[in-house]
Amino acid sequence: MERSAGTGSEEVGMSTARPVDIAVRRFWMATGAVIGFFVVVFAWIGYTQEKGPNVAFTLSVLATLAMTAPILWLMKRRPVGATLSWGEALLSSTYIFLLMFWIYGVVPHQWLTYADSELAWRADRIVRGPDLGFTSGEGIFEWAFPFTLTYLVLRDIIAVLIYGIGLVGNVALWAMWQNRGKEAEVAIERSEYGRPLVREGATSQGAMT
């Protein structure tokens, strides 16, 4: 079986995944980590206050994911430099405005409403935590922290985290969209000595000069 001989410095390469595919996969992994954080928060609420997840807040988070998914789907398929009609521009700008309003307005509002009403996280309630036996009768948080942590402060900390997660995701989506046209780098096969492998019969440029 004959091997095709190339001219110039033709190197054997292996194509890798596109950067946009890798970025989308990492975005979903980060989203899973965020969901895991809120699962821990709700599990702690269920343990300390015997209350389940709030329907309105949970649905607002799920709606955020549902509205973000089409952007990631389109990001992997829309070519760079594709024309955009006035109707498409109007529809897409309205959609993004709705998504940003939802992330920065609706989701934090639902969390604050849930914490103020059902959970009653007020300034006169102190976050003590469970008594693990070695804390001299105090809760683990009350024993470990050199300050008094109230539920009102904890409510605001989680609200700030929601805003921070939305801002980081917002900037990440901008960067991913702008860089969606980048091509995947070709991983060059190398020998066990670290030198690039070339096809049989190929000669490097300038070897005969």
C-alpha atoms as a PDB file:
ATOM      1  CA  MET A   1       0.000   0.000   0.000  1.00  0.00           C
ATOM      2  CA  GLU A   2       1.558   3.237  -1.129  1.00  0.00           C
ATOM      3  CA  ARG A   3       1.831   6.307   1.066  1.00  0.00           C
ATOM      4  CA  SER A   4       1.202   9.685  -0.521  1.00  0.00           C
ATOM      5  CA  ALA A   5       4.308  11.821  -0.542  1.00  0.00           C
ATOM      6  CA  GLY A   6       3.875  15.466   0.338  1.00  0.00           C
ATOM      7  CA  THR A   7       5.935  18.498  -0.411  1.00  0.00           C
ATOM      8  CA  GLY A   8       7.122  21.006   2.111  1.00  0.00           C
ATOM      9  CA  SER A   9       6.928  20.544   5.854  1.00  0.00           C
ATOM     10  CA  GLU A  10       3.746  18.464   5.968  1.00  0.00           C
ATOM     11  CA  GLU A  11       3.168  17.283   9.525  1.00  0.00           C
ATOM     12  CA  VAL A  12       0.785  14.690  10.848  1.00  0.00           C
ATOM     13  CA  GLY A  13      -1.911  16.334  12.980  1.00  0.00           C
ATOM     14  CA  MET A  14      -4.967  15.405  14.909  1.00  0.00           C
ATOM     15  CA  SER A  15      -7.959  17.738  14.881  1.00  0.00           C
ATOM     16  CA  THR A  16      -9.391  18.682  18.255  1.00  0.00           C
ATOM     17  CA  ALA A  17     -12.710  20.079  19.403  1.00  0.00           C
ATOM     18  CA  ARG A  18     -13.569  23.650  18.509  1.00  0.00           C
ATOM     19  CA  PRO A  19     -12.937  26.262  21.212  1.00  0.00           C
ATOM     20  CA  VAL A  20     -16.626  27.197  21.231  1.00  0.00           C
ATOM     21  CA  ASP A  21     -17.605  23.569  21.916  1.00  0.00           C
ATOM     22  CA  ILE A  22     -15.159  23.405  24.813  1.00  0.00           C
ATOM     23  CA  ALA A  23     -16.402  26.752  26.164  1.00  0.00           C
ATOM     24  CA  VAL A  24     -20.051  25.650  26.015  1.00  0.00           C
ATOM     25  CA  ARG A  25     -19.216  22.397  27.786  1.00  0.00           C
ATOM     26  CA  ARG A  26     -17.357  24.270  30.543  1.00  0.00           C
ATOM     27  CA  PHE A  27     -20.229  26.736  30.842  1.00  0.00           C
ATOM     28  CA  TRP A  28     -22.669  23.916  31.499  1.00  0.00           C
ATOM     29  CA  MET A  29     -20.246  22.382  34.000  1.00  0.00           C
ATOM     30  CA  ALA A  30     -20.060  25.696  35.863  1.00  0.00           C
ATOM     31  CA  THR A  31     -23.855  25.908  35.741  1.00  0.00           C
ATOM     32  CA  GLY A  32     -24.041  22.455  37.310  1.00  0.00           C
ATOM     33  CA  ALA A  33     -21.745  23.632  40.105  1.00  0.00           C
ATOM     34  CA  VAL A  34     -24.022  26.627  40.745  1.00  0.00           C
ATOM     35  CA  ILE A  35     -27.072  24.359  40.873  1.00  0.00           C
ATOM     36  CA  GLY A  36     -25.193  22.131  43.302  1.00  0.00           C
ATOM     37  CA  PHE A  37     -24.565  25.165  45.532  1.00  0.00           C
ATOM     38  CA  PHE A  38     -28.275  25.964  45.703  1.00  0.00           C
ATOM     39  CA  VAL A  39     -29.067  22.298  46.366  1.00  0.00           C
ATOM     40  CA  VAL A  40     -26.771  22.515  49.415  1.00  0.00           C
ATOM     41  CA  VAL A  41     -28.484  25.759  50.505  1.00  0.00           C
ATOM     42  CA  PHE A  42     -31.946  24.190  50.239  1.00  0.00           C
ATOM     43  CA  ALA A  43     -30.753  21.045  52.020  1.00  0.00           C
ATOM     44  CA  TRP A  44     -29.464  23.199  54.877  1.00  0.00           C
ATOM     45  CA  ILE A  45     -32.750  25.115  54.973  1.00  0.00           C
ATOM     46  CA  GLY A  46     -34.650  21.837  55.063  1.00  0.00           C
ATOM     47  CA  TYR A  47     -32.456  20.576  57.911  1.00  0.00           C
ATOM     48  CA  THR A  48     -32.629  23.721  60.044  1.00  0.00           C
ATOM     49  CA  GLN A  49     -36.148  24.981  59.297  1.00  0.00           C
ATOM     50  CA  GLU A  50     -37.863  21.923  57.805  1.00  0.00           C
ATOM     51  CA  LYS A  51     -38.939  23.835  54.714  1.00  0.00           C
ATOM     52  CA  GLY A  52     -38.670  22.704  51.121  1.00  0.00           C
ATOM     53  CA  PRO A  53     -37.503  24.670  48.060  1.00  0.00           C
ATOM     54  CA  ASN A  54     -39.589  27.690  47.154  1.00  0.00           C
ATOM     55  CA  VAL A  55     -41.557  27.131  43.940  1.00  0.00           C
ATOM     56  CA  ALA A  56     -41.273  30.699  42.606  1.00  0.00           C
ATOM     57  CA  PHE A  57     -37.518  30.963  43.160  1.00  0.00           C
ATOM     58  CA  THR A  58     -36.852  27.487  41.774  1.00  0.00           C
ATOM     59  CA  LEU A  59     -38.905  28.166  38.660  1.00  0.00           C
ATOM     60  CA  SER A  60     -37.135  31.490  38.124  1.00  0.00           C
ATOM     61  CA  VAL A  61     -33.759  29.698  38.119  1.00  0.00           C
ATOM     62  CA  LEU A  62     -35.037  26.984  35.765  1.00  0.00           C
ATOM     63  CA  ALA A  63     -36.460  29.660  33.470  1.00  0.00           C
ATOM     64  CA  THR A  64     -33.017  31.312  33.370  1.00  0.00           C
ATOM     65  CA  LEU A  65     -31.446  28.055  32.230  1.00  0.00           C
ATOM     66  CA  ALA A  66     -34.202  27.545  29.649  1.00  0.00           C
ATOM     67  CA  MET A  67     -33.614  31.032  28.207  1.00  0.00           C
ATOM     68  CA  THR A  68     -29.831  30.592  28.166  1.00  0.00           C
ATOM     69  CA  ALA A  69     -29.886  27.247  26.331  1.00  0.00           C
ATOM     70  CA  PRO A  70     -30.940  28.676  22.901  1.00  0.00           C
ATOM     71  CA  ILE A  71     -28.042  31.152  23.028  1.00  0.00           C
ATOM     72  CA  LEU A  72     -25.545  28.339  23.553  1.00  0.00           C
ATOM     73  CA  TRP A  73     -27.187  26.298  20.798  1.00  0.00           C
ATOM     74  CA  LEU A  74     -27.051  29.215  18.338  1.00  0.00           C
ATOM     75  CA  MET A  75     -23.501  30.077  19.358  1.00  0.00           C
ATOM     76  CA  LYS A  76     -22.243  26.733  18.080  1.00  0.00           C
ATOM     77  CA  ARG A  77     -24.019  27.053  14.729  1.00  0.00           C
ATOM     78  CA  ARG A  78     -24.131  30.710  13.660  1.00  0.00           C
ATOM     79  CA  PRO A  79     -21.106  31.569  11.497  1.00  0.00           C
ATOM     80  CA  VAL A  80     -19.083  34.702  12.117  1.00  0.00           C
ATOM     81  CA  GLY A  81     -20.038  37.560   9.812  1.00  0.00           C
ATOM     82  CA  ALA A  82     -23.508  36.235   8.981  1.00  0.00           C
ATOM     83  CA  THR A  83     -25.957  38.937   7.929  1.00  0.00           C
ATOM     84  CA  LEU A  84     -28.585  40.110  10.395  1.00  0.00           C
ATOM     85  CA  SER A  85     -31.914  41.557   9.272  1.00  0.00           C
ATOM     86  CA  TRP A  86     -33.717  44.345  11.116  1.00  0.00           C
ATOM     87  CA  GLY A  87     -36.314  41.884  12.343  1.00  0.00           C
ATOM     88  CA  GLU A  88     -33.681  39.479  13.665  1.00  0.00           C
ATOM     89  CA  ALA A  89     -31.818  42.332  15.363  1.00  0.00           C
ATOM     90  CA  LEU A  90     -35.010  43.578  17.030  1.00  0.00           C
ATOM     91  CA  LEU A  91     -36.018  40.095  18.176  1.00  0.00           C
ATOM     92  CA  SER A  92     -32.573  39.168  19.498  1.00  0.00           C
ATOM     93  CA  SER A  93     -32.072  42.481  21.342  1.00  0.00           C
ATOM     94  CA  THR A  94     -35.497  42.151  22.980  1.00  0.00           C
ATOM     95  CA  TYR A  95     -34.697  38.570  23.989  1.00  0.00           C
ATOM     96  CA  ILE A  96     -31.342  39.528  25.541  1.00  0.00           C
ATOM     97  CA  PHE A  97     -32.935  42.469  27.375  1.00  0.00           C
ATOM     98  CA  LEU A  98     -35.565  40.093  28.784  1.00  0.00           C
ATOM     99  CA  LEU A  99     -32.886  37.624  29.860  1.00  0.00           C
ATOM    100  CA  MET A 100     -30.829  40.318  31.616  1.00  0.00           C
ATOM    101  CA  PHE A 101     -33.942  41.714  33.301  1.00  0.00           C
ATOM    102  CA  TRP A 102     -34.804  38.193  34.441  1.00  0.00           C
ATOM    103  CA  ILE A 103     -31.332  37.433  35.830  1.00  0.00           C
ATOM    104  CA  TYR A 104     -30.724  40.767  37.577  1.00  0.00           C
ATOM    105  CA  GLY A 105     -34.311  41.514  38.561  1.00  0.00           C
ATOM    106  CA  VAL A 106     -36.614  38.519  38.876  1.00  0.00           C
ATOM    107  CA  VAL A 107     -34.273  35.864  40.323  1.00  0.00           C
ATOM    108  CA  PRO A 108     -32.854  38.023  43.173  1.00  0.00           C
ATOM    109  CA  HIS A 109     -36.342  39.364  43.913  1.00  0.00           C
ATOM    110  CA  GLN A 110     -37.752  35.854  44.246  1.00  0.00           C
ATOM    111  CA  TRP A 111     -34.924  34.888  46.593  1.00  0.00           C
ATOM    112  CA  LEU A 112     -35.397  37.965  48.816  1.00  0.00           C
ATOM    113  CA  THR A 113     -39.166  37.425  48.901  1.00  0.00           C
ATOM    114  CA  TYR A 114     -38.662  33.775  49.868  1.00  0.00           C
ATOM    115  CA  ALA A 115     -36.151  34.638  52.608  1.00  0.00           C
ATOM    116  CA  ASP A 116     -38.307  37.433  54.042  1.00  0.00           C
ATOM    117  CA  SER A 117     -41.645  35.629  53.994  1.00  0.00           C
ATOM    118  CA  GLU A 118     -41.385  31.855  54.300  1.00  0.00           C
ATOM    119  CA  LEU A 119     -37.981  31.657  55.967  1.00  0.00           C
ATOM    120  CA  ALA A 120     -38.349  34.790  58.119  1.00  0.00           C
ATOM    121  CA  TRP A 121     -34.657  35.591  57.921  1.00  0.00           C
ATOM    122  CA  ARG A 122     -34.633  38.711  60.090  1.00  0.00           C
ATOM    123  CA  ALA A 123     -31.953  40.733  61.849  1.00  0.00           C
ATOM    124  CA  ASP A 124     -32.983  39.370  65.272  1.00  0.00           C
ATOM    125  CA  ARG A 125     -32.267  35.767  64.288  1.00  0.00           C
ATOM    126  CA  ILE A 126     -28.691  34.545  64.684  1.00  0.00           C
ATOM    127  CA  VAL A 127     -27.130  31.830  62.530  1.00  0.00           C
ATOM    128  CA  ARG A 128     -25.924  29.330  65.113  1.00  0.00           C
ATOM    129  CA  GLY A 129     -25.678  26.031  63.269  1.00  0.00           C
ATOM    130  CA  PRO A 130     -25.815  22.539  64.787  1.00  0.00           C
ATOM    131  CA  ASP A 131     -24.145  21.684  68.084  1.00  0.00           C
ATOM    132  CA  LEU A 132     -21.432  19.115  67.283  1.00  0.00           C
ATOM    133  CA  GLY A 133     -20.492  18.383  70.897  1.00  0.00           C
ATOM    134  CA  PHE A 134     -17.131  20.140  71.062  1.00  0.00           C
ATOM    135  CA  THR A 135     -18.544  23.661  70.780  1.00  0.00           C
ATOM    136  CA  SER A 136     -19.490  24.061  74.470  1.00  0.00           C
ATOM    137  CA  GLY A 137     -23.203  24.138  73.743  1.00  0.00           C
ATOM    138  CA  GLU A 138     -22.925  26.713  70.947  1.00  0.00           C
ATOM    139  CA  GLY A 139     -23.755  26.155  67.308  1.00  0.00           C
ATOM    140  CA  ILE A 140     -20.862  25.492  64.947  1.00  0.00           C
ATOM    141  CA  PHE A 141     -21.159  28.907  63.256  1.00  0.00           C
ATOM    142  CA  GLU A 142     -21.643  30.749  66.531  1.00  0.00           C
ATOM    143  CA  TRP A 143     -18.587  28.970  67.933  1.00  0.00           C
ATOM    144  CA  ALA A 144     -16.321  29.341  64.882  1.00  0.00           C
ATOM    145  CA  PHE A 145     -17.037  32.918  63.759  1.00  0.00           C
ATOM    146  CA  PRO A 146     -15.534  35.816  65.753  1.00  0.00           C
ATOM    147  CA  PHE A 147     -18.643  37.855  64.942  1.00  0.00           C
ATOM    148  CA  THR A 148     -22.406  37.450  65.133  1.00  0.00           C
ATOM    149  CA  LEU A 149     -23.945  36.379  61.839  1.00  0.00           C
ATOM    150  CA  THR A 150     -27.639  37.140  61.478  1.00  0.00           C
ATOM    151  CA  TYR A 151     -29.998  35.586  58.993  1.00  0.00           C
ATOM    152  CA  LEU A 152     -30.601  38.994  57.424  1.00  0.00           C
ATOM    153  CA  VAL A 153     -26.895  39.255  56.581  1.00  0.00           C
ATOM    154  CA  LEU A 154     -26.896  35.692  55.257  1.00  0.00           C
ATOM    155  CA  ARG A 155     -29.897  36.545  53.075  1.00  0.00           C
ATOM    156  CA  ASP A 156     -28.035  39.523  51.593  1.00  0.00           C
ATOM    157  CA  ILE A 157     -24.837  37.495  51.052  1.00  0.00           C
ATOM    158  CA  ILE A 158     -26.748  34.931  48.993  1.00  0.00           C
ATOM    159  CA  ALA A 159     -28.429  37.765  47.047  1.00  0.00           C
ATOM    160  CA  VAL A 160     -24.996  39.241  46.235  1.00  0.00           C
ATOM    161  CA  LEU A 161     -23.830  35.798  45.121  1.00  0.00           C
ATOM    162  CA  ILE A 162     -26.818  35.581  42.770  1.00  0.00           C
ATOM    163  CA  TYR A 163     -25.878  38.942  41.239  1.00  0.00           C
ATOM    164  CA  GLY A 164     -22.227  37.870  41.000  1.00  0.00           C
ATOM    165  CA  ILE A 165     -23.089  34.581  39.300  1.00  0.00           C
ATOM    166  CA  GLY A 166     -25.283  36.440  36.814  1.00  0.00           C
ATOM    167  CA  LEU A 167     -22.544  38.986  36.065  1.00  0.00           C
ATOM    168  CA  VAL A 168     -19.847  36.337  35.563  1.00  0.00           C
ATOM    169  CA  GLY A 169     -22.158  34.313  33.323  1.00  0.00           C
ATOM    170  CA  ASN A 170     -23.052  37.452  31.375  1.00  0.00           C
ATOM    171  CA  VAL A 171     -19.426  38.332  30.646  1.00  0.00           C
ATOM    172  CA  ALA A 172     -18.615  34.692  29.864  1.00  0.00           C
ATOM    173  CA  LEU A 173     -21.403  34.513  27.272  1.00  0.00           C
ATOM    174  CA  TRP A 174     -20.186  37.737  25.647  1.00  0.00           C
ATOM    175  CA  ALA A 175     -16.644  36.366  25.373  1.00  0.00           C
ATOM    176  CA  MET A 176     -17.840  32.991  24.083  1.00  0.00           C
ATOM    177  CA  TRP A 177     -19.992  34.635  21.414  1.00  0.00           C
ATOM    178  CA  GLN A 178     -17.171  36.921  20.230  1.00  0.00           C
ATOM    179  CA  ASN A 179     -14.706  34.008  20.060  1.00  0.00           C
ATOM    180  CA  ARG A 180     -17.072  31.461  18.504  1.00  0.00           C
ATOM    181  CA  GLY A 181     -15.299  31.685  15.120  1.00  0.00           C
ATOM    182  CA  LYS A 182     -11.907  30.550  16.401  1.00  0.00           C
ATOM    183  CA  GLU A 183     -10.674  27.332  14.850  1.00  0.00           C
ATOM    184  CA  ALA A 184      -9.405  24.393  16.830  1.00  0.00           C
ATOM    185  CA  GLU A 185      -5.671  24.064  17.071  1.00  0.00           C
ATOM    186  CA  VAL A 186      -4.121  21.019  15.425  1.00  0.00           C
ATOM    187  CA  ALA A 187      -2.321  18.791  17.874  1.00  0.00           C
ATOM    188  CA  ILE A 188       0.857  17.571  16.167  1.00  0.00           C
ATOM    189  CA  GLU A 189       1.952  14.020  16.779  1.00  0.00           C
ATOM    190  CA  ARG A 190       5.387  13.843  18.305  1.00  0.00           C
ATOM    191  CA  SER A 191       7.874  11.055  18.726  1.00  0.00           C
ATOM    192  CA  GLU A 192       8.951   9.722  22.082  1.00  0.00           C
ATOM    193  CA  TYR A 193      11.856  12.173  21.887  1.00  0.00           C
ATOM    194  CA  GLY A 194       9.498  15.148  21.515  1.00  0.00           C
ATOM    195  CA  ARG A 195      10.155  15.828  17.817  1.00  0.00           C
ATOM    196  CA  PRO A 196       7.250  16.423  15.379  1.00  0.00           C
ATOM    197  CA  LEU A 197       6.495  13.460  13.128  1.00  0.00           C
ATOM    198  CA  VAL A 198       6.460  14.055   9.354  1.00  0.00           C
ATOM    199  CA  ARG A 199       4.958  11.928   6.608  1.00  0.00           C
ATOM    200  CA  GLU A 200       7.177   9.477   4.784  1.00  0.00           C
ATOM    201  CA  GLY A 201       8.748  11.143   1.766  1.00  0.00           C
ATOM    202  CA  ALA A 202       8.200  14.693   2.997  1.00  0.00           C
ATOM    203  CA  THR A 203      11.207  16.986   3.230  1.00  0.00           C
ATOM    204  CA  SER A 204      11.488  20.124   5.278  1.00  0.00           C
ATOM    205  CA  GLN A 205      11.642  23.424   3.451  1.00  0.00           C
ATOM    206  CA  GLY A 206      15.101  24.750   3.027  1.00  0.00           C
ATOM    207  CA  ALA A 207      16.831  21.411   3.563  1.00  0.00           C
ATOM    208  CA  MET A 208      18.249  21.403   0.015  1.00  0.00           C
ATOM    209  CA  THR A 209      19.149  25.083  -0.139  1.00  0.00           C
END
